[in-house]
Amino acid sequence: MAVIENNDGEILLLQEGKEGIRGNWDLPGGSLDKGESITGCAVRELEEEAGLEGQVEGIIAVVREINSDDQDVLVFAFELSYKQTDIEVDGEEILDYRWVKPQRALNMSLRLDNRRKVIQAFQRDQVVDRSVLHGDLRPE
């Protein structure tokens, strides 16, 4: 999962288009591909879902959730920086995007409540610098 912030202090939220969660807002993110690093997954998902090229800056939180296969999983939330500003969504998996102040995001219809915990940790500047990440978590 990725939290990215623009120069106006707003974070990127994406509107889900998938069955069962359609219309909910979420942070960019998704499932790990076989052999992929956790940070590599966050970077790839940001590019796939929003067309943005990102770089991991630090880890914000690790949260638990039940996935769509009814499995209990851990979700790693990273702060990412990005280079370009042109966002592209496919209109199917992701319907739309918004840049919103973190406080406003807390009041939106988010996909899961644990997203609020991630946004609150980001607001409190609880990002741990990437230099302290274990080798398996460091960007590739």
Protein backbone atom coordinates (compact mmCIF):
# COMPACT_ATOMS: atom_id res chain seq x y z
CA MET A 1 0.00 0.00 0.00
CA ALA A 2 1.29 3.46 -0.85
CA VAL A 3 0.71 6.89 0.64
CA ILE A 4 1.87 9.71 -1.59
CA GLU A 5 1.57 13.40 -0.81
CA ASN A 6 1.57 16.32 -3.24
CA ASN A 7 3.03 19.79 -2.65
CA ASP A 8 -0.30 20.97 -1.19
CA GLY A 9 -0.21 18.39 1.62
CA GLU A 10 -2.89 16.23 -0.01
CA ILE A 11 -2.75 12.44 -0.35
CA LEU A 12 -3.81 10.38 -3.35
CA LEU A 13 -6.96 8.26 -3.06
CA LEU A 14 -8.25 6.00 -5.82
CA GLN A 15 -11.89 5.05 -6.36
CA GLU A 16 -12.33 1.29 -6.67
CA GLY A 17 -14.13 -0.19 -9.66
CA LYS A 18 -13.98 -3.87 -8.71
CA GLU A 19 -17.10 -5.86 -7.84
CA GLY A 20 -17.95 -5.77 -4.14
CA ILE A 21 -15.90 -2.63 -3.39
CA ARG A 22 -17.00 -0.43 -6.31
CA GLY A 23 -17.16 3.25 -5.39
CA ASN A 24 -15.07 3.00 -2.21
CA TRP A 25 -11.90 5.05 -1.92
CA ASP A 26 -8.55 3.46 -1.18
CA LEU A 27 -4.84 4.08 -1.10
CA PRO A 28 -2.91 2.64 -4.06
CA GLY A 29 -1.94 -0.97 -3.40
CA GLY A 30 -2.44 -4.61 -4.18
CA SER A 31 -1.16 -8.13 -3.87
CA LEU A 32 2.43 -9.26 -3.97
CA ASP A 33 3.52 -11.11 -7.12
CA LYS A 34 5.57 -14.30 -6.70
CA GLY A 35 9.23 -13.41 -6.11
CA GLU A 36 8.49 -9.69 -5.75
CA SER A 37 9.76 -7.61 -2.83
CA ILE A 38 7.23 -5.86 -0.60
CA THR A 39 8.53 -2.44 -1.60
CA GLY A 40 8.61 -3.48 -5.26
CA CYS A 41 4.94 -4.35 -4.96
CA ALA A 42 4.08 -0.87 -3.63
CA VAL A 43 5.97 0.81 -6.48
CA ARG A 44 4.42 -1.48 -9.12
CA GLU A 45 0.89 -1.04 -7.82
CA LEU A 46 1.24 2.76 -7.82
CA GLU A 47 2.32 2.62 -11.45
CA GLU A 48 -0.40 0.13 -12.46
CA GLU A 49 -3.24 1.91 -10.67
CA ALA A 50 -2.29 5.57 -11.17
CA GLY A 51 0.42 5.63 -13.83
CA LEU A 52 2.89 7.21 -11.40
CA GLU A 53 6.52 6.22 -11.07
CA GLY A 54 7.30 6.09 -7.36
CA GLN A 55 10.13 5.52 -4.92
CA VAL A 56 9.80 4.17 -1.39
CA GLU A 57 10.79 6.73 1.25
CA GLY A 58 9.84 4.84 4.40
CA ILE A 59 7.37 2.53 6.10
CA ILE A 60 4.31 3.98 7.82
CA ALA A 61 2.52 0.99 9.31
CA VAL A 62 1.78 -2.71 9.14
CA VAL A 63 -1.92 -3.49 9.48
CA ARG A 64 -4.01 -6.68 9.45
CA GLU A 65 -6.99 -7.30 7.24
CA ILE A 66 -9.12 -10.09 5.85
CA ASN A 67 -8.62 -10.28 2.08
CA SER A 68 -11.15 -11.19 -0.61
CA ASP A 69 -10.28 -14.90 -0.16
CA ASP A 70 -11.21 -14.62 3.54
CA GLN A 71 -7.55 -14.93 4.58
CA ASP A 72 -5.99 -12.96 7.43
CA VAL A 73 -3.09 -11.00 5.89
CA LEU A 74 -0.59 -8.30 6.85
CA VAL A 75 -0.54 -5.14 4.75
CA PHE A 76 2.58 -2.98 4.63
CA ALA A 77 1.97 0.74 4.13
CA PHE A 78 4.84 2.76 2.67
CA GLU A 79 5.35 6.44 2.00
CA LEU A 80 6.34 6.92 -1.63
CA SER A 81 7.60 9.94 -3.49
CA TYR A 82 6.73 10.36 -7.16
CA LYS A 83 8.22 12.14 -10.15
CA GLN A 84 5.56 13.15 -12.65
CA THR A 85 2.13 14.56 -11.89
CA ASP A 86 -0.05 13.13 -14.68
CA ILE A 87 -2.29 10.48 -13.17
CA GLU A 88 -3.87 7.87 -15.42
CA VAL A 89 -6.60 5.49 -14.25
CA ASP A 90 -8.08 2.74 -16.42
CA GLY A 91 -11.74 3.47 -15.65
CA GLU A 92 -12.43 -0.18 -14.87
CA GLU A 93 -10.33 -1.42 -11.94
CA ILE A 94 -9.86 2.19 -10.81
CA LEU A 95 -12.70 4.59 -11.64
CA ASP A 96 -11.32 7.92 -10.50
CA TYR A 97 -8.77 9.62 -8.26
CA ARG A 98 -8.68 12.54 -5.85
CA TRP A 99 -6.03 14.49 -4.01
CA VAL A 100 -7.45 15.19 -0.55
CA LYS A 101 -6.20 16.51 2.77
CA PRO A 102 -5.58 13.58 5.15
CA GLN A 103 -8.19 14.87 7.61
CA ARG A 104 -10.84 14.90 4.85
CA ALA A 105 -9.79 11.39 3.75
CA LEU A 106 -10.64 10.10 7.22
CA ASN A 107 -14.26 11.10 6.63
CA MET A 108 -14.58 9.52 3.19
CA SER A 109 -16.02 6.10 2.33
CA LEU A 110 -12.75 4.15 2.54
CA ARG A 111 -12.47 0.52 1.44
CA LEU A 112 -11.45 -0.67 4.93
CA ASP A 113 -11.18 0.99 8.33
CA ASN A 114 -7.50 0.09 8.64
CA ARG A 115 -6.82 2.73 5.95
CA ARG A 116 -7.78 5.33 8.55
CA LYS A 117 -5.07 3.97 10.88
CA VAL A 118 -2.50 4.29 8.08
CA ILE A 119 -3.59 7.85 7.24
CA GLN A 120 -3.53 8.83 10.92
CA ALA A 121 0.00 7.42 11.32
CA PHE A 122 1.06 9.38 8.22
CA GLN A 123 -0.50 12.55 9.68
CA ARG A 124 1.48 12.07 12.90
CA ASP A 125 4.62 11.74 10.77
CA GLN A 126 5.26 8.22 12.01
CA VAL A 127 7.19 7.31 8.86
CA VAL A 128 10.31 5.25 9.52
CA ASP A 129 13.18 6.12 7.18
CA ARG A 130 13.88 3.45 4.58
CA SER A 131 17.50 3.07 5.73
CA VAL A 132 16.32 1.09 8.77
CA LEU A 133 14.37 -1.45 6.72
CA HIS A 134 15.55 -5.06 6.73
CA GLY A 135 17.20 -6.09 3.46
CA ASP A 136 14.08 -7.96 2.31
CA LEU A 137 12.02 -4.77 2.67
CA ARG A 138 14.44 -2.34 1.04
CA PRO A 139 13.68 -0.97 -2.42
CA GLU A 140 15.23 -2.96 -5.24
